[in-house]
């Protein structure tokens, strides 16, 4: 059974930092592209960062570029998202996702991710 479990839920003040973790089991971690998505109330889910199976390629949308870093540890089967200079608009439920499509992680869409975690709440206070 595939499981993706996020941790690092937090209430953070604007300007602060937070690291999210996603522990993966039930699949060969190094074969999967991984990503973090988020969904704020009343908004569509959007990608925050993505990383290739080998960890060589990382993708960030402009909204978080320079503030977020995605990384993965194959020895721990764990995905990370370091977020700095947090803003109130970063408030959302954050999800990790795994996909194994034969294409660059830069070209992945949300539908390409097969497995999803349950999400963890991040709240940034102003």
PDB file of N, CA and C in Angstrom:
ATOM      1  N   UNK A   1       0.845  -1.196   0.000  1.00  0.00           N
ATOM      2  CA  UNK A   1       0.000   0.000   0.000  1.00  0.00           C
ATOM      3  C   UNK A   1       0.884   1.251   0.000  1.00  0.00           C
ATOM      4  N   UNK A   2       0.631   2.129  -0.928  1.00  0.00           N
ATOM      5  CA  UNK A   2       1.413   3.351  -1.026  1.00  0.00           C
ATOM      6  C   UNK A   2       0.890   4.372  -0.021  1.00  0.00           C
ATOM      7  N   UNK A   3       1.822   4.968   0.703  1.00  0.00           N
ATOM      8  CA  UNK A   3       1.449   6.011   1.666  1.00  0.00           C
ATOM      9  C   UNK A   3       2.399   7.185   1.542  1.00  0.00           C
ATOM     10  N   UNK A   4       1.831   8.360   1.529  1.00  0.00           N
ATOM     11  CA  UNK A   4       2.583   9.604   1.589  1.00  0.00           C
ATOM     12  C   UNK A   4       2.050  10.367   2.797  1.00  0.00           C
ATOM     13  N   UNK A   5       2.921  10.621   3.752  1.00  0.00           N
ATOM     14  CA  UNK A   5       2.502  11.247   4.996  1.00  0.00           C
ATOM     15  C   UNK A   5       3.273  12.539   5.207  1.00  0.00           C
ATOM     16  N   UNK A   6       2.536  13.644   5.163  1.00  0.00           N
ATOM     17  CA  UNK A   6       3.151  14.953   5.377  1.00  0.00           C
ATOM     18  C   UNK A   6       3.255  15.272   6.860  1.00  0.00           C
ATOM     19  N   UNK A   7       4.265  16.027   7.198  1.00  0.00           N
ATOM     20  CA  UNK A   7       4.403  16.533   8.561  1.00  0.00           C
ATOM     21  C   UNK A   7       5.036  17.912   8.491  1.00  0.00           C
ATOM     22  N   UNK A   8       4.906  18.648   9.592  1.00  0.00           N
ATOM     23  CA  UNK A   8       5.448  19.998   9.621  1.00  0.00           C
ATOM     24  C   UNK A   8       4.370  21.060   9.670  1.00  0.00           C
ATOM     25  N   UNK A   9       3.154  20.620  10.001  1.00  0.00           N
ATOM     26  CA  UNK A   9       2.044  21.565  10.153  1.00  0.00           C
ATOM     27  C   UNK A   9       2.474  22.687  11.070  1.00  0.00           C
ATOM     28  N   UNK A  10       2.084  23.900  10.710  1.00  0.00           N
ATOM     29  CA  UNK A  10       2.510  24.959  11.587  1.00  0.00           C
ATOM     30  C   UNK A  10       1.786  26.274  11.406  1.00  0.00           C
ATOM     31  N   UNK A  11       1.847  27.042  12.466  1.00  0.00           N
ATOM     32  CA  UNK A  11       1.399  28.428  12.465  1.00  0.00           C
ATOM     33  C   UNK A  11       2.657  29.264  12.558  1.00  0.00           C
ATOM     34  N   UNK A  12       2.888  30.056  11.548  1.00  0.00           N
ATOM     35  CA  UNK A  12       4.125  30.826  11.440  1.00  0.00           C
ATOM     36  C   UNK A  12       3.789  32.286  11.198  1.00  0.00           C
ATOM     37  N   UNK A  13       4.590  33.153  11.739  1.00  0.00           N
ATOM     38  CA  UNK A  13       4.412  34.579  11.479  1.00  0.00           C
ATOM     39  C   UNK A  13       4.985  34.945  10.115  1.00  0.00           C
ATOM     40  N   UNK A  14       4.425  35.949   9.506  1.00  0.00           N
ATOM     41  CA  UNK A  14       4.932  36.426   8.219  1.00  0.00           C
ATOM     42  C   UNK A  14       6.419  36.747   8.346  1.00  0.00           C
ATOM     43  N   UNK A  15       7.163  36.341   7.338  1.00  0.00           N
ATOM     44  CA  UNK A  15       8.600  36.522   7.361  1.00  0.00           C
ATOM     45  C   UNK A  15       9.355  35.345   7.930  1.00  0.00           C
ATOM     46  N   UNK A  16       8.640  34.427   8.540  1.00  0.00           N
ATOM     47  CA  UNK A  16       9.267  33.266   9.152  1.00  0.00           C
ATOM     48  C   UNK A  16       9.530  32.152   8.167  1.00  0.00           C
ATOM     49  N   UNK A  17       9.998  31.019   8.717  1.00  0.00           N
ATOM     50  CA  UNK A  17      10.362  29.862   7.902  1.00  0.00           C
ATOM     51  C   UNK A  17       9.693  28.615   8.437  1.00  0.00           C
ATOM     52  N   UNK A  18       9.592  27.621   7.562  1.00  0.00           N
ATOM     53  CA  UNK A  18       8.975  26.354   7.937  1.00  0.00           C
ATOM     54  C   UNK A  18       9.505  25.282   7.008  1.00  0.00           C
ATOM     55  N   UNK A  19       9.703  24.092   7.545  1.00  0.00           N
ATOM     56  CA  UNK A  19      10.086  22.964   6.698  1.00  0.00           C
ATOM     57  C   UNK A  19       9.024  21.885   6.798  1.00  0.00           C
ATOM     58  N   UNK A  20       8.538  21.472   5.646  1.00  0.00           N
ATOM     59  CA  UNK A  20       7.597  20.372   5.559  1.00  0.00           C
ATOM     60  C   UNK A  20       8.334  19.106   5.139  1.00  0.00           C
ATOM     61  N   UNK A  21       7.848  17.976   5.646  1.00  0.00           N
ATOM     62  CA  UNK A  21       8.405  16.672   5.269  1.00  0.00           C
ATOM     63  C   UNK A  21       7.291  15.785   4.747  1.00  0.00           C
ATOM     64  N   UNK A  22       7.665  14.873   3.889  1.00  0.00           N
ATOM     65  CA  UNK A  22       6.714  13.884   3.368  1.00  0.00           C
ATOM     66  C   UNK A  22       7.430  12.545   3.335  1.00  0.00           C
ATOM     67  N   UNK A  23       6.996  11.636   4.165  1.00  0.00           N
ATOM     68  CA  UNK A  23       7.598  10.303   4.224  1.00  0.00           C
ATOM     69  C   UNK A  23       6.803   9.367   3.338  1.00  0.00           C
ATOM     70  N   UNK A  24       7.507   8.661   2.477  1.00  0.00           N
ATOM     71  CA  UNK A  24       6.876   7.832   1.455  1.00  0.00           C
ATOM     72  C   UNK A  24       7.143   6.361   1.725  1.00  0.00           C
ATOM     73  N   UNK A  25       6.142   5.525   1.559  1.00  0.00           N
ATOM     74  CA  UNK A  25       6.313   4.080   1.682  1.00  0.00           C
ATOM     75  C   UNK A  25       5.444   3.385   0.648  1.00  0.00           C
ATOM     76  N   UNK A  26       5.809   2.138   0.345  1.00  0.00           N
ATOM     77  CA  UNK A  26       5.017   1.340  -0.576  1.00  0.00           C
ATOM     78  C   UNK A  26       5.358   1.518  -2.038  1.00  0.00           C
ATOM     79  N   UNK A  27       6.356   2.314  -2.351  1.00  0.00           N
ATOM     80  CA  UNK A  27       6.816   2.455  -3.727  1.00  0.00           C
ATOM     81  C   UNK A  27       8.322   2.676  -3.723  1.00  0.00           C
ATOM     82  N   UNK A  28       8.934   2.531  -4.898  1.00  0.00           N
ATOM     83  CA  UNK A  28      10.374   2.736  -5.015  1.00  0.00           C
ATOM     84  C   UNK A  28      10.612   4.233  -5.176  1.00  0.00           C
ATOM     85  N   UNK A  29      10.965   4.858  -4.092  1.00  0.00           N
ATOM     86  CA  UNK A  29      11.034   6.322  -4.011  1.00  0.00           C
ATOM     87  C   UNK A  29      11.886   6.918  -5.127  1.00  0.00           C
ATOM     88  N   UNK A  30      13.016   6.300  -5.423  1.00  0.00           N
ATOM     89  CA  UNK A  30      13.946   6.866  -6.395  1.00  0.00           C
ATOM     90  C   UNK A  30      13.436   6.779  -7.830  1.00  0.00           C
ATOM     91  N   UNK A  31      12.316   6.095  -8.048  1.00  0.00           N
ATOM     92  CA  UNK A  31      11.736   5.996  -9.388  1.00  0.00           C
ATOM     93  C   UNK A  31      10.674   7.051  -9.657  1.00  0.00           C
ATOM     94  N   UNK A  32      10.367   7.853  -8.657  1.00  0.00           N
ATOM     95  CA  UNK A  32       9.239   8.767  -8.758  1.00  0.00           C
ATOM     96  C   UNK A  32       9.658  10.232  -8.688  1.00  0.00           C
ATOM     97  N   UNK A  33       9.085  11.011  -9.608  1.00  0.00           N
ATOM     98  CA  UNK A  33       9.127  12.456  -9.445  1.00  0.00           C
ATOM     99  C   UNK A  33       8.207  12.812  -8.283  1.00  0.00           C
ATOM    100  N   UNK A  34       8.603  13.833  -7.550  1.00  0.00           N
ATOM    101  CA  UNK A  34       7.834  14.237  -6.375  1.00  0.00           C
ATOM    102  C   UNK A  34       7.514  15.725  -6.465  1.00  0.00           C
ATOM    103  N   UNK A  35       6.458  16.107  -5.814  1.00  0.00           N
ATOM    104  CA  UNK A  35       6.063  17.516  -5.862  1.00  0.00           C
ATOM    105  C   UNK A  35       5.322  17.901  -4.597  1.00  0.00           C
ATOM    106  N   UNK A  36       5.306  19.181  -4.351  1.00  0.00           N
ATOM    107  CA  UNK A  36       4.459  19.786  -3.324  1.00  0.00           C
ATOM    108  C   UNK A  36       3.421  20.655  -4.041  1.00  0.00           C
ATOM    109  N   UNK A  37       2.187  20.478  -3.619  1.00  0.00           N
ATOM    110  CA  UNK A  37       1.087  21.310  -4.075  1.00  0.00           C
ATOM    111  C   UNK A  37       0.492  22.006  -2.858  1.00  0.00           C
ATOM    112  N   UNK A  38      -0.310  23.014  -3.108  1.00  0.00           N
ATOM    113  CA  UNK A  38      -1.046  23.646  -2.025  1.00  0.00           C
ATOM    114  C   UNK A  38      -2.414  24.094  -2.527  1.00  0.00           C
ATOM    115  N   UNK A  39      -3.328  24.161  -1.580  1.00  0.00           N
ATOM    116  CA  UNK A  39      -4.667  24.631  -1.906  1.00  0.00           C
ATOM    117  C   UNK A  39      -5.153  25.534  -0.789  1.00  0.00           C
ATOM    118  N   UNK A  40      -5.388  26.774  -1.146  1.00  0.00           N
ATOM    119  CA  UNK A  40      -5.925  27.743  -0.199  1.00  0.00           C
ATOM    120  C   UNK A  40      -7.447  27.723  -0.288  1.00  0.00           C
ATOM    121  N   UNK A  41      -8.123  28.165   0.764  1.00  0.00           N
ATOM    122  CA  UNK A  41      -9.593  28.176   0.741  1.00  0.00           C
ATOM    123  C   UNK A  41     -10.131  28.941  -0.454  1.00  0.00           C
ATOM    124  N   UNK A  42     -11.029  28.304  -1.177  1.00  0.00           N
ATOM    125  CA  UNK A  42     -11.656  28.957  -2.311  1.00  0.00           C
ATOM    126  C   UNK A  42     -10.813  29.046  -3.558  1.00  0.00           C
ATOM    127  N   UNK A  43      -9.640  28.433  -3.536  1.00  0.00           N
ATOM    128  CA  UNK A  43      -8.751  28.488  -4.699  1.00  0.00           C
ATOM    129  C   UNK A  43      -8.443  27.092  -5.204  1.00  0.00           C
ATOM    130  N   UNK A  44      -7.971  27.024  -6.440  1.00  0.00           N
ATOM    131  CA  UNK A  44      -7.584  25.748  -7.018  1.00  0.00           C
ATOM    132  C   UNK A  44      -6.232  25.303  -6.462  1.00  0.00           C
ATOM    133  N   UNK A  45      -6.031  24.018  -6.488  1.00  0.00           N
ATOM    134  CA  UNK A  45      -4.744  23.496  -6.054  1.00  0.00           C
ATOM    135  C   UNK A  45      -3.664  23.889  -7.059  1.00  0.00           C
ATOM    136  N   UNK A  46      -2.510  24.274  -6.554  1.00  0.00           N
ATOM    137  CA  UNK A  46      -1.424  24.716  -7.417  1.00  0.00           C
ATOM    138  C   UNK A  46      -0.115  24.071  -6.977  1.00  0.00           C
ATOM    139  N   UNK A  47       0.773  23.906  -7.944  1.00  0.00           N
ATOM    140  CA  UNK A  47       2.074  23.330  -7.628  1.00  0.00           C
ATOM    141  C   UNK A  47       2.943  24.381  -6.942  1.00  0.00           C
ATOM    142  N   UNK A  48       3.702  23.934  -5.969  1.00  0.00           N
ATOM    143  CA  UNK A  48       4.637  24.794  -5.254  1.00  0.00           C
ATOM    144  C   UNK A  48       6.073  24.496  -5.674  1.00  0.00           C
ATOM    145  N   UNK A  49       6.354  23.222  -5.858  1.00  0.00           N
ATOM    146  CA  UNK A  49       7.690  22.803  -6.265  1.00  0.00           C
ATOM    147  C   UNK A  49       7.639  21.363  -6.713  1.00  0.00           C
ATOM    148  N   UNK A  50       8.557  20.996  -7.582  1.00  0.00           N
ATOM    149  CA  UNK A  50       8.640  19.613  -8.048  1.00  0.00           C
ATOM    150  C   UNK A  50      10.103  19.239  -8.215  1.00  0.00           C
ATOM    151  N   UNK A  51      10.384  17.958  -8.100  1.00  0.00           N
ATOM    152  CA  UNK A  51      11.760  17.491  -8.193  1.00  0.00           C
ATOM    153  C   UNK A  51      11.797  16.165  -8.932  1.00  0.00           C
ATOM    154  N   UNK A  52      12.816  16.006  -9.749  1.00  0.00           N
ATOM    155  CA  UNK A  52      12.949  14.795 -10.557  1.00  0.00           C
ATOM    156  C   UNK A  52      13.307  13.597  -9.677  1.00  0.00           C
ATOM    157  N   UNK A  53      13.159  12.385 -10.209  1.00  0.00           N
ATOM    158  CA  UNK A  53      13.442  11.188  -9.413  1.00  0.00           C
ATOM    159  C   UNK A  53      14.857  11.165  -8.818  1.00  0.00           C
ATOM    160  N   UNK A  54      15.817  11.639  -9.583  1.00  0.00           N
ATOM    161  CA  UNK A  54      17.190  11.636  -9.087  1.00  0.00           C
ATOM    162  C   UNK A  54      17.515  12.878  -8.279  1.00  0.00           C
ATOM    163  N   UNK A  55      16.595  13.809  -8.226  1.00  0.00           N
ATOM    164  CA  UNK A  55      16.841  15.030  -7.471  1.00  0.00           C
ATOM    165  C   UNK A  55      17.674  16.053  -8.198  1.00  0.00           C
ATOM    166  N   UNK A  56      17.861  15.849  -9.500  1.00  0.00           N
ATOM    167  CA  UNK A  56      18.738  16.738 -10.268  1.00  0.00           C
ATOM    168  C   UNK A  56      17.996  17.970 -10.755  1.00  0.00           C
ATOM    169  N   UNK A  57      16.734  17.777 -11.132  1.00  0.00           N
ATOM    170  CA  UNK A  57      15.945  18.882 -11.691  1.00  0.00           C
ATOM    171  C   UNK A  57      14.888  19.303 -10.675  1.00  0.00           C
ATOM    172  N   UNK A  58      14.782  20.604 -10.457  1.00  0.00           N
ATOM    173  CA  UNK A  58      13.750  21.143  -9.579  1.00  0.00           C
ATOM    174  C   UNK A  58      12.984  22.223 -10.334  1.00  0.00           C
ATOM    175  N   UNK A  59      11.703  22.270 -10.071  1.00  0.00           N
ATOM    176  CA  UNK A  59      10.840  23.255 -10.724  1.00  0.00           C
ATOM    177  C   UNK A  59      10.123  24.072  -9.658  1.00  0.00           C
ATOM    178  N   UNK A  60      10.067  25.383  -9.887  1.00  0.00           N
ATOM    179  CA  UNK A  60       9.337  26.276  -8.989  1.00  0.00           C
ATOM    180  C   UNK A  60       8.541  27.272  -9.817  1.00  0.00           C
ATOM    181  N   UNK A  61       7.307  27.511  -9.462  1.00  0.00           N
ATOM    182  CA  UNK A  61       6.573  28.593 -10.129  1.00  0.00           C
ATOM    183  C   UNK A  61       7.087  29.939  -9.632  1.00  0.00           C
ATOM    184  N   UNK A  62       6.782  30.986 -10.367  1.00  0.00           N
ATOM    185  CA  UNK A  62       7.277  32.323 -10.012  1.00  0.00           C
ATOM    186  C   UNK A  62       6.801  32.762  -8.630  1.00  0.00           C
ATOM    187  N   UNK A  63       5.640  32.275  -8.215  1.00  0.00           N
ATOM    188  CA  UNK A  63       5.064  32.729  -6.946  1.00  0.00           C
ATOM    189  C   UNK A  63       5.920  32.359  -5.735  1.00  0.00           C
ATOM    190  N   UNK A  64       6.752  31.338  -5.864  1.00  0.00           N
ATOM    191  CA  UNK A  64       7.568  30.914  -4.721  1.00  0.00           C
ATOM    192  C   UNK A  64       9.057  30.881  -5.030  1.00  0.00           C
ATOM    193  N   UNK A  65       9.416  31.147  -6.273  1.00  0.00           N
ATOM    194  CA  UNK A  65      10.819  31.047  -6.669  1.00  0.00           C
ATOM    195  C   UNK A  65      11.670  31.961  -5.802  1.00  0.00           C
ATOM    196  N   UNK A  66      12.743  31.409  -5.274  1.00  0.00           N
ATOM    197  CA  UNK A  66      13.635  32.168  -4.405  1.00  0.00           C
ATOM    198  C   UNK A  66      13.277  32.067  -2.935  1.00  0.00           C
ATOM    199  N   UNK A  67      12.084  31.581  -2.623  1.00  0.00           N
ATOM    200  CA  UNK A  67      11.644  31.460  -1.227  1.00  0.00           C
ATOM    201  C   UNK A  67      11.517  30.014  -0.790  1.00  0.00           C
ATOM    202  N   UNK A  68      11.430  29.092  -1.740  1.00  0.00           N
ATOM    203  CA  UNK A  68      11.217  27.692  -1.412  1.00  0.00           C
ATOM    204  C   UNK A  68      12.321  26.828  -2.013  1.00  0.00           C
ATOM    205  N   UNK A  69      12.632  25.766  -1.306  1.00  0.00           N
ATOM    206  CA  UNK A  69      13.589  24.783  -1.809  1.00  0.00           C
ATOM    207  C   UNK A  69      13.036  23.398  -1.572  1.00  0.00           C
ATOM    208  N   UNK A  70      12.945  22.627  -2.651  1.00  0.00           N
ATOM    209  CA  UNK A  70      12.493  21.242  -2.544  1.00  0.00           C
ATOM    210  C   UNK A  70      13.727  20.342  -2.561  1.00  0.00           C
ATOM    211  N   UNK A  71      13.695  19.290  -1.772  1.00  0.00           N
ATOM    212  CA  UNK A  71      14.801  18.342  -1.745  1.00  0.00           C
ATOM    213  C   UNK A  71      14.255  16.969  -1.375  1.00  0.00           C
ATOM    214  N   UNK A  72      15.084  15.969  -1.595  1.00  0.00           N
ATOM    215  CA  UNK A  72      14.668  14.611  -1.277  1.00  0.00           C
ATOM    216  C   UNK A  72      15.838  13.827  -0.727  1.00  0.00           C
ATOM    217  N   UNK A  73      15.548  12.897   0.155  1.00  0.00           N
ATOM    218  CA  UNK A  73      16.557  12.045   0.779  1.00  0.00           C
ATOM    219  C   UNK A  73      16.168  10.603   0.496  1.00  0.00           C
ATOM    220  N   UNK A  74      16.900   9.964  -0.407  1.00  0.00           N
ATOM    221  CA  UNK A  74      16.548   8.598  -0.800  1.00  0.00           C
ATOM    222  C   UNK A  74      16.826   7.596   0.308  1.00  0.00           C
ATOM    223  N   UNK A  75      17.703   7.939   1.233  1.00  0.00           N
ATOM    224  CA  UNK A  75      17.990   7.010   2.325  1.00  0.00           C
ATOM    225  C   UNK A  75      16.859   6.987   3.354  1.00  0.00           C
ATOM    226  N   UNK A  76      16.074   8.055   3.368  1.00  0.00           N
ATOM    227  CA  UNK A  76      14.953   8.150   4.299  1.00  0.00           C
ATOM    228  C   UNK A  76      13.591   8.086   3.605  1.00  0.00           C
ATOM    229  N   UNK A  77      13.621   7.953   2.257  1.00  0.00           N
ATOM    230  CA  UNK A  77      12.360   7.979   1.489  1.00  0.00           C
ATOM    231  C   UNK A  77      11.512   9.187   1.883  1.00  0.00           C
ATOM    232  N   UNK A  78      12.157  10.325   1.954  1.00  0.00           N
ATOM    233  CA  UNK A  78      11.491  11.519   2.435  1.00  0.00           C
ATOM    234  C   UNK A  78      11.716  12.699   1.504  1.00  0.00           C
ATOM    235  N   UNK A  79      10.659  13.437   1.309  1.00  0.00           N
ATOM    236  CA  UNK A  79      10.659  14.661   0.520  1.00  0.00           C
ATOM    237  C   UNK A  79      10.542  15.842   1.473  1.00  0.00           C
ATOM    238  N   UNK A  80      11.229  16.932   1.139  1.00  0.00           N
ATOM    239  CA  UNK A  80      11.203  18.113   1.990  1.00  0.00           C
ATOM    240  C   UNK A  80      10.820  19.352   1.185  1.00  0.00           C
ATOM    241  N   UNK A  81      10.259  20.318   1.902  1.00  0.00           N
ATOM    242  CA  UNK A  81      10.034  21.640   1.333  1.00  0.00           C
ATOM    243  C   UNK A  81      10.425  22.661   2.388  1.00  0.00           C
ATOM    244  N   UNK A  82      11.475  23.395   2.106  1.00  0.00           N
ATOM    245  CA  UNK A  82      11.898  24.480   2.976  1.00  0.00           C
ATOM    246  C   UNK A  82      11.280  25.766   2.449  1.00  0.00           C
ATOM    247  N   UNK A  83      10.536  26.442   3.291  1.00  0.00           N
ATOM    248  CA  UNK A  83       9.885  27.691   2.886  1.00  0.00           C
ATOM    249  C   UNK A  83      10.396  28.827   3.765  1.00  0.00           C
ATOM    250  N   UNK A  84      10.850  29.876   3.135  1.00  0.00           N
ATOM    251  CA  UNK A  84      11.377  31.031   3.846  1.00  0.00           C
ATOM    252  C   UNK A  84      10.586  32.284   3.472  1.00  0.00           C
ATOM    253  N   UNK A  85      10.770  33.316   4.265  1.00  0.00           N
ATOM    254  CA  UNK A  85      10.097  34.597   4.017  1.00  0.00           C
ATOM    255  C   UNK A  85       8.617  34.368   3.718  1.00  0.00           C
ATOM    256  N   UNK A  86       7.979  33.637   4.608  1.00  0.00           N
ATOM    257  CA  UNK A  86       6.587  33.266   4.385  1.00  0.00           C
ATOM    258  C   UNK A  86       5.685  34.492   4.398  1.00  0.00           C
ATOM    259  N   UNK A  87       4.630  34.411   3.583  1.00  0.00           N
ATOM    260  CA  UNK A  87       3.655  35.484   3.452  1.00  0.00           C
ATOM    261  C   UNK A  87       2.266  34.951   3.826  1.00  0.00           C
ATOM    262  N   UNK A  88       1.366  35.811   4.239  1.00  0.00           N
ATOM    263  CA  UNK A  88       0.011  35.337   4.553  1.00  0.00           C
ATOM    264  C   UNK A  88      -0.624  34.584   3.379  1.00  0.00           C
ATOM    265  N   UNK A  89      -0.306  34.969   2.174  1.00  0.00           N
ATOM    266  CA  UNK A  89      -0.873  34.281   1.007  1.00  0.00           C
ATOM    267  C   UNK A  89      -0.300  32.885   0.800  1.00  0.00           C
ATOM    268  N   UNK A  90       0.680  32.500   1.593  1.00  0.00           N
ATOM    269  CA  UNK A  90       1.175  31.119   1.555  1.00  0.00           C
ATOM    270  C   UNK A  90       0.305  30.184   2.407  1.00  0.00           C
ATOM    271  N   UNK A  91      -0.641  30.755   3.120  1.00  0.00           N
ATOM    272  CA  UNK A  91      -1.551  29.954   3.933  1.00  0.00           C
ATOM    273  C   UNK A  91      -2.351  29.014   3.049  1.00  0.00           C
ATOM    274  N   UNK A  92      -2.278  27.724   3.360  1.00  0.00           N
ATOM    275  CA  UNK A  92      -2.941  26.714   2.542  1.00  0.00           C
ATOM    276  C   UNK A  92      -2.738  25.345   3.173  1.00  0.00           C
ATOM    277  N   UNK A  93      -3.437  24.371   2.623  1.00  0.00           N
ATOM    278  CA  UNK A  93      -3.120  22.982   2.922  1.00  0.00           C
ATOM    279  C   UNK A  93      -2.089  22.534   1.889  1.00  0.00           C
ATOM    280  N   UNK A  94      -0.997  21.976   2.373  1.00  0.00           N
ATOM    281  CA  UNK A  94       0.090  21.542   1.506  1.00  0.00           C
ATOM    282  C   UNK A  94       0.069  20.027   1.359  1.00  0.00           C
ATOM    283  N   UNK A  95       0.189  19.584   0.105  1.00  0.00           N
ATOM    284  CA  UNK A  95       0.150  18.164  -0.214  1.00  0.00           C
ATOM    285  C   UNK A  95       1.443  17.746  -0.913  1.00  0.00           C
ATOM    286  N   UNK A  96       1.904  16.553  -0.615  1.00  0.00           N
ATOM    287  CA  UNK A  96       2.972  15.984  -1.432  1.00  0.00           C
ATOM    288  C   UNK A  96       2.353  14.971  -2.394  1.00  0.00           C
ATOM    289  N   UNK A  97       3.034  14.784  -3.516  1.00  0.00           N
ATOM    290  CA  UNK A  97       2.512  13.914  -4.558  1.00  0.00           C
ATOM    291  C   UNK A  97       3.658  13.203  -5.262  1.00  0.00           C
ATOM    292  N   UNK A  98       3.364  12.023  -5.815  1.00  0.00           N
ATOM    293  CA  UNK A  98       4.370  11.212  -6.502  1.00  0.00           C
ATOM    294  C   UNK A  98       3.853  10.782  -7.863  1.00  0.00           C
ATOM    295  N   UNK A  99       4.732  10.847  -8.848  1.00  0.00           N
ATOM    296  CA  UNK A  99       4.359  10.432 -10.190  1.00  0.00           C
ATOM    297  C   UNK A  99       5.531   9.793 -10.899  1.00  0.00           C
ATOM    298  N   UNK A 100       5.234   8.965 -11.899  1.00  0.00           N
ATOM    299  CA  UNK A 100       6.299   8.239 -12.607  1.00  0.00           C
ATOM    300  C   UNK A 100       6.143   8.304 -14.112  1.00  0.00           C
ATOM    301  N   UNK A 101       5.659   9.427 -14.622  1.00  0.00           N
ATOM    302  CA  UNK A 101       5.518   9.581 -16.066  1.00  0.00           C
ATOM    303  C   UNK A 101       6.903   9.728 -16.716  1.00  0.00           C
ATOM    304  N   UNK A 102       7.047   9.182 -17.942  1.00  0.00           N
ATOM    305  CA  UNK A 102       8.336   9.263 -18.639  1.00  0.00           C
ATOM    306  C   UNK A 102       8.562  10.607 -19.315  1.00  0.00           C
ATOM    307  N   UNK A 103       8.640  11.665 -18.516  1.00  0.00           N
ATOM    308  CA  UNK A 103       8.888  12.989 -19.073  1.00  0.00           C
ATOM    309  C   UNK A 103       9.532  13.855 -18.001  1.00  0.00           C
ATOM    310  N   UNK A 104      10.016  14.995 -18.420  1.00  0.00           N
ATOM    311  CA  UNK A 104      10.662  15.891 -17.475  1.00  0.00           C
ATOM    312  C   UNK A 104       9.667  16.382 -16.428  1.00  0.00           C
ATOM    313  N   UNK A 105      10.156  16.520 -15.215  1.00  0.00           N
ATOM    314  CA  UNK A 105       9.288  17.002 -14.146  1.00  0.00           C
ATOM    315  C   UNK A 105       8.790  18.406 -14.451  1.00  0.00           C
ATOM    316  N   UNK A 106       9.516  19.140 -15.276  1.00  0.00           N
ATOM    317  CA  UNK A 106       9.078  20.479 -15.669  1.00  0.00           C
ATOM    318  C   UNK A 106       7.782  20.441 -16.490  1.00  0.00           C
ATOM    319  N   UNK A 107       7.521  19.302 -17.104  1.00  0.00           N
ATOM    320  CA  UNK A 107       6.347  19.155 -17.977  1.00  0.00           C
ATOM    321  C   UNK A 107       5.181  18.450 -17.293  1.00  0.00           C
ATOM    322  N   UNK A 108       5.372  18.068 -16.038  1.00  0.00           N
ATOM    323  CA  UNK A 108       4.292  17.395 -15.321  1.00  0.00           C
ATOM    324  C   UNK A 108       3.110  18.344 -15.114  1.00  0.00           C
ATOM    325  N   UNK A 109       1.932  17.785 -15.187  1.00  0.00           N
ATOM    326  CA  UNK A 109       0.738  18.483 -14.737  1.00  0.00           C
ATOM    327  C   UNK A 109       0.207  17.769 -13.501  1.00  0.00           C
ATOM    328  N   UNK A 110      -0.785  18.349 -12.882  1.00  0.00           N
ATOM    329  CA  UNK A 110      -1.324  17.759 -11.661  1.00  0.00           C
ATOM    330  C   UNK A 110      -1.807  16.322 -11.899  1.00  0.00           C
ATOM    331  N   UNK A 111      -2.347  16.070 -13.051  1.00  0.00           N
ATOM    332  CA  UNK A 111      -2.886  14.738 -13.350  1.00  0.00           C
ATOM    333  C   UNK A 111      -1.792  13.687 -13.479  1.00  0.00           C
ATOM    334  N   UNK A 112      -0.556  14.122 -13.673  1.00  0.00           N
ATOM    335  CA  UNK A 112       0.544  13.162 -13.813  1.00  0.00           C
ATOM    336  C   UNK A 112       0.985  12.573 -12.479  1.00  0.00           C
ATOM    337  N   UNK A 113       0.533  13.151 -11.395  1.00  0.00           N
ATOM    338  CA  UNK A 113       0.901  12.639 -10.078  1.00  0.00           C
ATOM    339  C   UNK A 113      -0.149  11.631  -9.638  1.00  0.00           C
ATOM    340  N   UNK A 114       0.298  10.402  -9.426  1.00  0.00           N
ATOM    341  CA  UNK A 114      -0.642   9.312  -9.148  1.00  0.00           C
ATOM    342  C   UNK A 114      -0.990   9.198  -7.673  1.00  0.00           C
ATOM    343  N   UNK A 115      -0.005   9.436  -6.832  1.00  0.00           N
ATOM    344  CA  UNK A 115      -0.211   9.232  -5.393  1.00  0.00           C
ATOM    345  C   UNK A 115      -0.133  10.562  -4.659  1.00  0.00           C
ATOM    346  N   UNK A 116      -1.004  10.705  -3.648  1.00  0.00           N
ATOM    347  CA  UNK A 116      -1.107  11.965  -2.914  1.00  0.00           C
ATOM    348  C   UNK A 116      -1.160  11.703  -1.414  1.00  0.00           C
ATOM    349  N   UNK A 117      -0.595  12.643  -0.681  1.00  0.00           N
ATOM    350  CA  UNK A 117      -0.750  12.609   0.765  1.00  0.00           C
ATOM    351  C   UNK A 117      -2.059  13.254   1.178  1.00  0.00           C
ATOM    352  N   UNK A 118      -2.314  13.241   2.471  1.00  0.00           N
ATOM    353  CA  UNK A 118      -3.571  13.779   3.004  1.00  0.00           C
ATOM    354  C   UNK A 118      -3.510  15.286   3.209  1.00  0.00           C
ATOM    355  N   UNK A 119      -2.315  15.832   3.214  1.00  0.00           N
ATOM    356  CA  UNK A 119      -2.184  17.269   3.360  1.00  0.00           C
ATOM    357  C   UNK A 119      -1.864  17.696   4.782  1.00  0.00           C
ATOM    358  N   UNK A 120      -1.210  18.840   4.887  1.00  0.00           N
ATOM    359  CA  UNK A 120      -0.901  19.419   6.184  1.00  0.00           C
ATOM    360  C   UNK A 120      -1.135  20.919   6.109  1.00  0.00           C
ATOM    361  N   UNK A 121      -1.722  21.465   7.162  1.00  0.00           N
ATOM    362  CA  UNK A 121      -2.103  22.874   7.161  1.00  0.00           C
ATOM    363  C   UNK A 121      -0.900  23.761   7.501  1.00  0.00           C
ATOM    364  N   UNK A 122      -0.718  24.790   6.712  1.00  0.00           N
ATOM    365  CA  UNK A 122       0.264  25.830   7.005  1.00  0.00           C
ATOM    366  C   UNK A 122      -0.487  27.152   7.068  1.00  0.00           C
ATOM    367  N   UNK A 123      -0.347  27.841   8.182  1.00  0.00           N
ATOM    368  CA  UNK A 123      -1.011  29.128   8.361  1.00  0.00           C
ATOM    369  C   UNK A 123       0.043  30.184   8.655  1.00  0.00           C
ATOM    370  N   UNK A 124       0.019  31.249   7.880  1.00  0.00           N
ATOM    371  CA  UNK A 124       0.973  32.338   8.057  1.00  0.00           C
ATOM    372  C   UNK A 124       0.199  33.560   8.527  1.00  0.00           C
ATOM    373  N   UNK A 125       0.526  34.006   9.711  1.00  0.00           N
ATOM    374  CA  UNK A 125      -0.178  35.151  10.276  1.00  0.00           C
ATOM    375  C   UNK A 125       0.533  36.453   9.911  1.00  0.00           C
ATOM    376  N   UNK A 126      -0.251  37.479   9.727  1.00  0.00           N
ATOM    377  CA  UNK A 126       0.329  38.783   9.346  1.00  0.00           C
ATOM    378  C   UNK A 126       0.672  39.613  10.571  1.00  0.00           C
TER     379      UNK A 126
END
